[in-house]
Amino acid sequence: MAKKYHEEQPDGSMLIDFSDRPLKIDGTEVKKLVMREPTVEDQTIAQKASSDQAEAEVATFANLTELSPDTIKSFKLRQYGRLQGAYQDFLY
């Protein structure tokens, strides 16, 4: 079983752990990131913003983490996968 790098918080958000592979955001090392629980509106806004599924996903993650899409795009694939894992847990 794959290790989970996120944990649901009391408010429904996910706390994502990057302590073993810290993010670099605006020159600052970030070891934890919060992704708020998405709404249906978040999903529809992202789908309207781009017909490309990957771009829509980046826009959604940027919105839910309050980061820019360019910042999300700069993540290493393994780091991005942690965002995807947290998001998937919101869907089930």
PDB file of N, CA and C in Angstrom:
ATOM      1  N   MET A   1       0.843  -1.183   0.000  1.00  0.00           N
ATOM      2  CA  MET A   1       0.000   0.000   0.000  1.00  0.00           C
ATOM      3  C   MET A   1       0.887   1.246   0.000  1.00  0.00           C
ATOM      4  N   ALA A   2       0.545   2.188  -0.846  1.00  0.00           N
ATOM      5  CA  ALA A   2       1.324   3.425  -0.956  1.00  0.00           C
ATOM      6  C   ALA A   2       1.121   4.295   0.286  1.00  0.00           C
ATOM      7  N   LYS A   3       2.167   4.996   0.647  1.00  0.00           N
ATOM      8  CA  LYS A   3       2.101   5.890   1.798  1.00  0.00           C
ATOM      9  C   LYS A   3       1.234   7.095   1.462  1.00  0.00           C
ATOM     10  N   LYS A   4       0.402   7.499   2.403  1.00  0.00           N
ATOM     11  CA  LYS A   4      -0.412   8.697   2.237  1.00  0.00           C
ATOM     12  C   LYS A   4       0.372   9.883   2.768  1.00  0.00           C
ATOM     13  N   TYR A   5       0.396  10.926   1.992  1.00  0.00           N
ATOM     14  CA  TYR A   5       1.108  12.137   2.381  1.00  0.00           C
ATOM     15  C   TYR A   5       0.147  13.264   2.755  1.00  0.00           C
ATOM     16  N   HIS A   6      -1.106  12.924   2.981  1.00  0.00           N
ATOM     17  CA  HIS A   6      -2.072  13.947   3.363  1.00  0.00           C
ATOM     18  C   HIS A   6      -2.982  13.413   4.476  1.00  0.00           C
ATOM     19  N   GLU A   7      -3.529  14.355   5.202  1.00  0.00           N
ATOM     20  CA  GLU A   7      -4.389  14.006   6.330  1.00  0.00           C
ATOM     21  C   GLU A   7      -5.547  14.991   6.376  1.00  0.00           C
ATOM     22  N   GLU A   8      -6.751  14.458   6.496  1.00  0.00           N
ATOM     23  CA  GLU A   8      -7.928  15.325   6.569  1.00  0.00           C
ATOM     24  C   GLU A   8      -7.930  16.080   7.901  1.00  0.00           C
ATOM     25  N   GLN A   9      -8.275  17.347   7.812  1.00  0.00           N
ATOM     26  CA  GLN A   9      -8.338  18.215   8.975  1.00  0.00           C
ATOM     27  C   GLN A   9      -9.791  18.358   9.441  1.00  0.00           C
ATOM     28  N   PRO A  10     -10.021  18.830  10.664  1.00  0.00           N
ATOM     29  CA  PRO A  10     -11.387  18.950  11.181  1.00  0.00           C
ATOM     30  C   PRO A  10     -12.328  19.790  10.304  1.00  0.00           C
ATOM     31  N   ASP A  11     -11.768  20.759   9.569  1.00  0.00           N
ATOM     32  CA  ASP A  11     -12.612  21.602   8.711  1.00  0.00           C
ATOM     33  C   ASP A  11     -12.855  20.990   7.335  1.00  0.00           C
ATOM     34  N   GLY A  12     -12.342  19.785   7.106  1.00  0.00           N
ATOM     35  CA  GLY A  12     -12.540  19.107   5.824  1.00  0.00           C
ATOM     36  C   GLY A  12     -11.406  19.321   4.839  1.00  0.00           C
ATOM     37  N   SER A  13     -10.494  20.237   5.131  1.00  0.00           N
ATOM     38  CA  SER A  13      -9.356  20.463   4.251  1.00  0.00           C
ATOM     39  C   SER A  13      -8.364  19.302   4.396  1.00  0.00           C
ATOM     40  N   MET A  14      -7.384  19.263   3.510  1.00  0.00           N
ATOM     41  CA  MET A  14      -6.323  18.258   3.582  1.00  0.00           C
ATOM     42  C   MET A  14      -5.002  18.965   3.864  1.00  0.00           C
ATOM     43  N   LEU A  15      -4.265  18.458   4.821  1.00  0.00           N
ATOM     44  CA  LEU A  15      -2.919  18.919   5.102  1.00  0.00           C
ATOM     45  C   LEU A  15      -1.971  17.966   4.376  1.00  0.00           C
ATOM     46  N   ILE A  16      -1.197  18.511   3.422  1.00  0.00           N
ATOM     47  CA  ILE A  16      -0.325  17.692   2.587  1.00  0.00           C
ATOM     48  C   ILE A  16       1.111  17.872   3.070  1.00  0.00           C
ATOM     49  N   ASP A  17       1.778  16.751   3.301  1.00  0.00           N
ATOM     50  CA  ASP A  17       3.130  16.749   3.855  1.00  0.00           C
ATOM     51  C   ASP A  17       4.181  16.658   2.745  1.00  0.00           C
ATOM     52  N   PHE A  18       5.075  17.641   2.732  1.00  0.00           N
ATOM     53  CA  PHE A  18       6.197  17.657   1.800  1.00  0.00           C
ATOM     54  C   PHE A  18       7.522  17.710   2.556  1.00  0.00           C
ATOM     55  N   SER A  19       7.521  17.316   3.835  1.00  0.00           N
ATOM     56  CA  SER A  19       8.715  17.481   4.657  1.00  0.00           C
ATOM     57  C   SER A  19       9.914  16.705   4.118  1.00  0.00           C
ATOM     58  N   ASP A  20       9.675  15.591   3.438  1.00  0.00           N
ATOM     59  CA  ASP A  20      10.793  14.831   2.867  1.00  0.00           C
ATOM     60  C   ASP A  20      11.235  15.373   1.506  1.00  0.00           C
ATOM     61  N   ARG A  21      10.392  16.146   0.854  1.00  0.00           N
ATOM     62  CA  ARG A  21      10.668  16.759  -0.449  1.00  0.00           C
ATOM     63  C   ARG A  21      10.063  18.158  -0.454  1.00  0.00           C
ATOM     64  N   PRO A  22      10.643  19.087   0.302  1.00  0.00           N
ATOM     65  CA  PRO A  22      10.041  20.421   0.436  1.00  0.00           C
ATOM     66  C   PRO A  22       9.848  21.125  -0.904  1.00  0.00           C
ATOM     67  N   LEU A  23       8.758  21.872  -0.967  1.00  0.00           N
ATOM     68  CA  LEU A  23       8.471  22.702  -2.123  1.00  0.00           C
ATOM     69  C   LEU A  23       9.295  23.975  -2.023  1.00  0.00           C
ATOM     70  N   LYS A  24       9.603  24.592  -3.148  1.00  0.00           N
ATOM     71  CA  LYS A  24      10.212  25.919  -3.181  1.00  0.00           C
ATOM     72  C   LYS A  24       9.168  26.847  -3.773  1.00  0.00           C
ATOM     73  N   ILE A  25       8.630  27.722  -2.930  1.00  0.00           N
ATOM     74  CA  ILE A  25       7.615  28.669  -3.380  1.00  0.00           C
ATOM     75  C   ILE A  25       8.123  30.070  -3.090  1.00  0.00           C
ATOM     76  N   ASP A  26       8.350  30.833  -4.157  1.00  0.00           N
ATOM     77  CA  ASP A  26       8.887  32.189  -4.037  1.00  0.00           C
ATOM     78  C   ASP A  26      10.158  32.214  -3.186  1.00  0.00           C
ATOM     79  N   GLY A  27      11.014  31.218  -3.387  1.00  0.00           N
ATOM     80  CA  GLY A  27      12.282  31.159  -2.686  1.00  0.00           C
ATOM     81  C   GLY A  27      12.217  30.641  -1.259  1.00  0.00           C
ATOM     82  N   THR A  28      11.031  30.269  -0.818  1.00  0.00           N
ATOM     83  CA  THR A  28      10.839  29.775   0.543  1.00  0.00           C
ATOM     84  C   THR A  28      10.578  28.277   0.519  1.00  0.00           C
ATOM     85  N   GLU A  29      11.200  27.570   1.439  1.00  0.00           N
ATOM     86  CA  GLU A  29      10.976  26.134   1.556  1.00  0.00           C
ATOM     87  C   GLU A  29       9.667  25.892   2.305  1.00  0.00           C
ATOM     88  N   VAL A  30       8.777  25.131   1.694  1.00  0.00           N
ATOM     89  CA  VAL A  30       7.465  24.839   2.271  1.00  0.00           C
ATOM     90  C   VAL A  30       7.368  23.336   2.501  1.00  0.00           C
ATOM     91  N   LYS A  31       7.093  22.949   3.751  1.00  0.00           N
ATOM     92  CA  LYS A  31       7.019  21.531   4.101  1.00  0.00           C
ATOM     93  C   LYS A  31       5.594  21.016   4.251  1.00  0.00           C
ATOM     94  N   LYS A  32       4.642  21.907   4.400  1.00  0.00           N
ATOM     95  CA  LYS A  32       3.232  21.515   4.530  1.00  0.00           C
ATOM     96  C   LYS A  32       2.392  22.490   3.713  1.00  0.00           C
ATOM     97  N   LEU A  33       1.343  21.975   3.126  1.00  0.00           N
ATOM     98  CA  LEU A  33       0.451  22.776   2.301  1.00  0.00           C
ATOM     99  C   LEU A  33      -0.975  22.351   2.598  1.00  0.00           C
ATOM    100  N   VAL A  34      -1.876  23.317   2.663  1.00  0.00           N
ATOM    101  CA  VAL A  34      -3.287  23.027   2.916  1.00  0.00           C
ATOM    102  C   VAL A  34      -4.064  23.150   1.607  1.00  0.00           C
ATOM    103  N   MET A  35      -4.868  22.135   1.334  1.00  0.00           N
ATOM    104  CA  MET A  35      -5.804  22.170   0.202  1.00  0.00           C
ATOM    105  C   MET A  35      -7.199  22.174   0.796  1.00  0.00           C
ATOM    106  N   ARG A  36      -7.932  23.248   0.539  1.00  0.00           N
ATOM    107  CA  ARG A  36      -9.285  23.311   1.088  1.00  0.00           C
ATOM    108  C   ARG A  36     -10.202  22.358   0.343  1.00  0.00           C
ATOM    109  N   GLU A  37     -11.295  22.007   1.014  1.00  0.00           N
ATOM    110  CA  GLU A  37     -12.255  21.086   0.402  1.00  0.00           C
ATOM    111  C   GLU A  37     -12.938  21.773  -0.775  1.00  0.00           C
ATOM    112  N   PRO A  38     -12.933  21.138  -1.941  1.00  0.00           N
ATOM    113  CA  PRO A  38     -13.540  21.767  -3.118  1.00  0.00           C
ATOM    114  C   PRO A  38     -15.060  21.749  -3.082  1.00  0.00           C
ATOM    115  N   THR A  39     -15.611  22.700  -3.801  1.00  0.00           N
ATOM    116  CA  THR A  39     -17.058  22.757  -4.000  1.00  0.00           C
ATOM    117  C   THR A  39     -17.363  22.349  -5.438  1.00  0.00           C
ATOM    118  N   VAL A  40     -18.611  22.104  -5.729  1.00  0.00           N
ATOM    119  CA  VAL A  40     -19.016  21.812  -7.102  1.00  0.00           C
ATOM    120  C   VAL A  40     -18.686  23.016  -7.980  1.00  0.00           C
ATOM    121  N   GLU A  41     -18.859  24.214  -7.449  1.00  0.00           N
ATOM    122  CA  GLU A  41     -18.543  25.420  -8.211  1.00  0.00           C
ATOM    123  C   GLU A  41     -17.061  25.466  -8.610  1.00  0.00           C
ATOM    124  N   ASP A  42     -16.171  25.058  -7.709  1.00  0.00           N
ATOM    125  CA  ASP A  42     -14.746  25.002  -8.048  1.00  0.00           C
ATOM    126  C   ASP A  42     -14.521  24.143  -9.285  1.00  0.00           C
ATOM    127  N   GLN A  43     -15.180  23.019  -9.319  1.00  0.00           N
ATOM    128  CA  GLN A  43     -15.014  22.090 -10.440  1.00  0.00           C
ATOM    129  C   GLN A  43     -15.555  22.689 -11.734  1.00  0.00           C
ATOM    130  N   THR A  44     -16.716  23.297 -11.692  1.00  0.00           N
ATOM    131  CA  THR A  44     -17.302  23.852 -12.912  1.00  0.00           C
ATOM    132  C   THR A  44     -16.504  25.054 -13.417  1.00  0.00           C
ATOM    133  N   ILE A  45     -15.982  25.865 -12.512  1.00  0.00           N
ATOM    134  CA  ILE A  45     -15.157  27.013 -12.919  1.00  0.00           C
ATOM    135  C   ILE A  45     -13.911  26.530 -13.645  1.00  0.00           C
ATOM    136  N   ALA A  46     -13.258  25.517 -13.110  1.00  0.00           N
ATOM    137  CA  ALA A  46     -12.040  24.990 -13.734  1.00  0.00           C
ATOM    138  C   ALA A  46     -12.341  24.396 -15.104  1.00  0.00           C
ATOM    139  N   GLN A  47     -13.455  23.695 -15.224  1.00  0.00           N
ATOM    140  CA  GLN A  47     -13.805  23.086 -16.505  1.00  0.00           C
ATOM    141  C   GLN A  47     -14.133  24.149 -17.551  1.00  0.00           C
ATOM    142  N   LYS A  48     -14.752  25.254 -17.135  1.00  0.00           N
ATOM    143  CA  LYS A  48     -15.052  26.344 -18.060  1.00  0.00           C
ATOM    144  C   LYS A  48     -13.787  27.105 -18.447  1.00  0.00           C
ATOM    145  N   ALA A  49     -12.830  27.168 -17.549  1.00  0.00           N
ATOM    146  CA  ALA A  49     -11.600  27.931 -17.795  1.00  0.00           C
ATOM    147  C   ALA A  49     -10.729  27.275 -18.857  1.00  0.00           C
ATOM    148  N   SER A  50     -10.808  25.959 -18.984  1.00  0.00           N
ATOM    149  CA  SER A  50      -9.969  25.256 -19.952  1.00  0.00           C
ATOM    150  C   SER A  50     -10.640  23.974 -20.403  1.00  0.00           C
ATOM    151  N   SER A  51     -10.565  23.733 -21.708  1.00  0.00           N
ATOM    152  CA  SER A  51     -11.094  22.468 -22.226  1.00  0.00           C
ATOM    153  C   SER A  51     -10.057  21.353 -22.088  1.00  0.00           C
ATOM    154  N   ASP A  52      -8.831  21.723 -21.749  1.00  0.00           N
ATOM    155  CA  ASP A  52      -7.761  20.750 -21.539  1.00  0.00           C
ATOM    156  C   ASP A  52      -7.844  20.239 -20.106  1.00  0.00           C
ATOM    157  N   GLN A  53      -7.981  18.939 -19.929  1.00  0.00           N
ATOM    158  CA  GLN A  53      -8.175  18.350 -18.600  1.00  0.00           C
ATOM    159  C   GLN A  53      -7.002  18.633 -17.664  1.00  0.00           C
ATOM    160  N   ALA A  54      -5.778  18.557 -18.170  1.00  0.00           N
ATOM    161  CA  ALA A  54      -4.609  18.803 -17.323  1.00  0.00           C
ATOM    162  C   ALA A  54      -4.576  20.263 -16.855  1.00  0.00           C
ATOM    163  N   GLU A  55      -4.870  21.190 -17.750  1.00  0.00           N
ATOM    164  CA  GLU A  55      -4.894  22.613 -17.380  1.00  0.00           C
ATOM    165  C   GLU A  55      -6.006  22.895 -16.377  1.00  0.00           C
ATOM    166  N   ALA A  56      -7.166  22.252 -16.557  1.00  0.00           N
ATOM    167  CA  ALA A  56      -8.270  22.422 -15.621  1.00  0.00           C
ATOM    168  C   ALA A  56      -7.886  21.909 -14.239  1.00  0.00           C
ATOM    169  N   GLU A  57      -7.154  20.793 -14.187  1.00  0.00           N
ATOM    170  CA  GLU A  57      -6.714  20.246 -12.907  1.00  0.00           C
ATOM    171  C   GLU A  57      -5.725  21.191 -12.231  1.00  0.00           C
ATOM    172  N   VAL A  58      -4.788  21.731 -12.975  1.00  0.00           N
ATOM    173  CA  VAL A  58      -3.826  22.689 -12.418  1.00  0.00           C
ATOM    174  C   VAL A  58      -4.571  23.902 -11.866  1.00  0.00           C
ATOM    175  N   ALA A  59      -5.547  24.413 -12.625  1.00  0.00           N
ATOM    176  CA  ALA A  59      -6.324  25.572 -12.171  1.00  0.00           C
ATOM    177  C   ALA A  59      -7.085  25.252 -10.886  1.00  0.00           C
ATOM    178  N   THR A  60      -7.639  24.063 -10.801  1.00  0.00           N
ATOM    179  CA  THR A  60      -8.358  23.645  -9.596  1.00  0.00           C
ATOM    180  C   THR A  60      -7.421  23.585  -8.402  1.00  0.00           C
ATOM    181  N   PHE A  61      -6.280  22.940  -8.561  1.00  0.00           N
ATOM    182  CA  PHE A  61      -5.321  22.829  -7.451  1.00  0.00           C
ATOM    183  C   PHE A  61      -4.811  24.197  -7.027  1.00  0.00           C
ATOM    184  N   ALA A  62      -4.565  25.079  -7.990  1.00  0.00           N
ATOM    185  CA  ALA A  62      -4.106  26.441  -7.665  1.00  0.00           C
ATOM    186  C   ALA A  62      -5.161  27.159  -6.821  1.00  0.00           C
ATOM    187  N   ASN A  63      -6.400  27.043  -7.222  1.00  0.00           N
ATOM    188  CA  ASN A  63      -7.496  27.680  -6.495  1.00  0.00           C
ATOM    189  C   ASN A  63      -7.629  27.115  -5.083  1.00  0.00           C
ATOM    190  N   LEU A  64      -7.553  25.814  -4.952  1.00  0.00           N
ATOM    191  CA  LEU A  64      -7.766  25.168  -3.651  1.00  0.00           C
ATOM    192  C   LEU A  64      -6.599  25.358  -2.684  1.00  0.00           C
ATOM    193  N   THR A  65      -5.411  25.647  -3.210  1.00  0.00           N
ATOM    194  CA  THR A  65      -4.243  25.858  -2.353  1.00  0.00           C
ATOM    195  C   THR A  65      -3.852  27.329  -2.250  1.00  0.00           C
ATOM    196  N   GLU A  66      -4.561  28.183  -2.980  1.00  0.00           N
ATOM    197  CA  GLU A  66      -4.283  29.627  -3.026  1.00  0.00           C
ATOM    198  C   GLU A  66      -2.880  29.926  -3.544  1.00  0.00           C
ATOM    199  N   LEU A  67      -2.454  29.131  -4.521  1.00  0.00           N
ATOM    200  CA  LEU A  67      -1.193  29.349  -5.217  1.00  0.00           C
ATOM    201  C   LEU A  67      -1.502  29.667  -6.674  1.00  0.00           C
ATOM    202  N   SER A  68      -0.526  30.204  -7.376  1.00  0.00           N
ATOM    203  CA  SER A  68      -0.735  30.492  -8.797  1.00  0.00           C
ATOM    204  C   SER A  68      -0.603  29.214  -9.622  1.00  0.00           C
ATOM    205  N   PRO A  69      -1.264  29.160 -10.772  1.00  0.00           N
ATOM    206  CA  PRO A  69      -1.082  28.000 -11.648  1.00  0.00           C
ATOM    207  C   PRO A  69       0.390  27.789 -12.024  1.00  0.00           C
ATOM    208  N   ASP A  70       1.146  28.864 -12.233  1.00  0.00           N
ATOM    209  CA  ASP A  70       2.558  28.716 -12.568  1.00  0.00           C
ATOM    210  C   ASP A  70       3.344  28.072 -11.431  1.00  0.00           C
ATOM    211  N   THR A  71       2.984  28.388 -10.196  1.00  0.00           N
ATOM    212  CA  THR A  71       3.640  27.758  -9.048  1.00  0.00           C
ATOM    213  C   THR A  71       3.344  26.262  -9.042  1.00  0.00           C
ATOM    214  N   ILE A  72       2.090  25.905  -9.253  1.00  0.00           N
ATOM    215  CA  ILE A  72       1.716  24.484  -9.298  1.00  0.00           C
ATOM    216  C   ILE A  72       2.483  23.779 -10.412  1.00  0.00           C
ATOM    217  N   LYS A  73       2.600  24.413 -11.566  1.00  0.00           N
ATOM    218  CA  LYS A  73       3.306  23.810 -12.702  1.00  0.00           C
ATOM    219  C   LYS A  73       4.786  23.615 -12.430  1.00  0.00           C
ATOM    220  N   SER A  74       5.347  24.350 -11.482  1.00  0.00           N
ATOM    221  CA  SER A  74       6.774  24.221 -11.179  1.00  0.00           C
ATOM    222  C   SER A  74       7.076  23.044 -10.246  1.00  0.00           C
ATOM    223  N   PHE A  75       6.048  22.427  -9.670  1.00  0.00           N
ATOM    224  CA  PHE A  75       6.254  21.294  -8.771  1.00  0.00           C
ATOM    225  C   PHE A  75       6.851  20.123  -9.540  1.00  0.00           C
ATOM    226  N   LYS A  76       7.676  19.363  -8.868  1.00  0.00           N
ATOM    227  CA  LYS A  76       8.159  18.100  -9.421  1.00  0.00           C
ATOM    228  C   LYS A  76       6.961  17.158  -9.525  1.00  0.00           C
ATOM    229  N   LEU A  77       7.021  16.219 -10.429  1.00  0.00           N
ATOM    230  CA  LEU A  77       5.883  15.327 -10.663  1.00  0.00           C
ATOM    231  C   LEU A  77       5.493  14.564  -9.403  1.00  0.00           C
ATOM    232  N   ARG A  78       6.468  14.140  -8.624  1.00  0.00           N
ATOM    233  CA  ARG A  78       6.170  13.415  -7.385  1.00  0.00           C
ATOM    234  C   ARG A  78       5.430  14.327  -6.400  1.00  0.00           C
ATOM    235  N   GLN A  79       5.807  15.592  -6.354  1.00  0.00           N
ATOM    236  CA  GLN A  79       5.123  16.554  -5.482  1.00  0.00           C
ATOM    237  C   GLN A  79       3.695  16.793  -5.983  1.00  0.00           C
ATOM    238  N   TYR A  80       3.554  16.922  -7.290  1.00  0.00           N
ATOM    239  CA  TYR A  80       2.237  17.124  -7.888  1.00  0.00           C
ATOM    240  C   TYR A  80       1.331  15.928  -7.607  1.00  0.00           C
ATOM    241  N   GLY A  81       1.908  14.742  -7.623  1.00  0.00           N
ATOM    242  CA  GLY A  81       1.142  13.536  -7.325  1.00  0.00           C
ATOM    243  C   GLY A  81       0.531  13.569  -5.932  1.00  0.00           C
ATOM    244  N   ARG A  82       1.197  14.238  -5.006  1.00  0.00           N
ATOM    245  CA  ARG A  82       0.641  14.359  -3.651  1.00  0.00           C
ATOM    246  C   ARG A  82      -0.610  15.245  -3.661  1.00  0.00           C
ATOM    247  N   LEU A  83      -0.608  16.273  -4.502  1.00  0.00           N
ATOM    248  CA  LEU A  83      -1.819  17.087  -4.650  1.00  0.00           C
ATOM    249  C   LEU A  83      -2.941  16.243  -5.242  1.00  0.00           C
ATOM    250  N   GLN A  84      -2.606  15.459  -6.253  1.00  0.00           N
ATOM    251  CA  GLN A  84      -3.608  14.599  -6.884  1.00  0.00           C
ATOM    252  C   GLN A  84      -4.183  13.598  -5.886  1.00  0.00           C
ATOM    253  N   GLY A  85      -3.329  13.025  -5.042  1.00  0.00           N
ATOM    254  CA  GLY A  85      -3.793  12.068  -4.042  1.00  0.00           C
ATOM    255  C   GLY A  85      -4.746  12.691  -3.043  1.00  0.00           C
ATOM    256  N   ALA A  86      -4.411  13.901  -2.588  1.00  0.00           N
ATOM    257  CA  ALA A  86      -5.289  14.596  -1.643  1.00  0.00           C
ATOM    258  C   ALA A  86      -6.627  14.911  -2.309  1.00  0.00           C
ATOM    259  N   TYR A  87      -6.581  15.389  -3.536  1.00  0.00           N
ATOM    260  CA  TYR A  87      -7.804  15.740  -4.249  1.00  0.00           C
ATOM    261  C   TYR A  87      -8.687  14.504  -4.451  1.00  0.00           C
ATOM    262  N   GLN A  88      -8.080  13.396  -4.800  1.00  0.00           N
ATOM    263  CA  GLN A  88      -8.852  12.159  -5.007  1.00  0.00           C
ATOM    264  C   GLN A  88      -9.615  11.761  -3.746  1.00  0.00           C
ATOM    265  N   ASP A  89      -9.022  11.991  -2.590  1.00  0.00           N
ATOM    266  CA  ASP A  89      -9.709  11.627  -1.351  1.00  0.00           C
ATOM    267  C   ASP A  89     -10.928  12.500  -1.085  1.00  0.00           C
ATOM    268  N   PHE A  90     -11.010  13.656  -1.700  1.00  0.00           N
ATOM    269  CA  PHE A  90     -12.220  14.481  -1.577  1.00  0.00           C
ATOM    270  C   PHE A  90     -13.377  13.874  -2.370  1.00  0.00           C
ATOM    271  N   LEU A  91     -13.064  13.075  -3.373  1.00  0.00           N
ATOM    272  CA  LEU A  91     -14.091  12.573  -4.286  1.00  0.00           C
ATOM    273  C   LEU A  91     -14.778  11.311  -3.787  1.00  0.00           C
ATOM    274  N   TYR A  92     -14.230  10.676  -2.729  1.00  0.00           N
ATOM    275  CA  TYR A  92     -14.807   9.410  -2.271  1.00  0.00           C
ATOM    276  C   TYR A  92     -15.125   9.443  -0.803  1.00  0.00           C
TER     277      TYR A  92
END
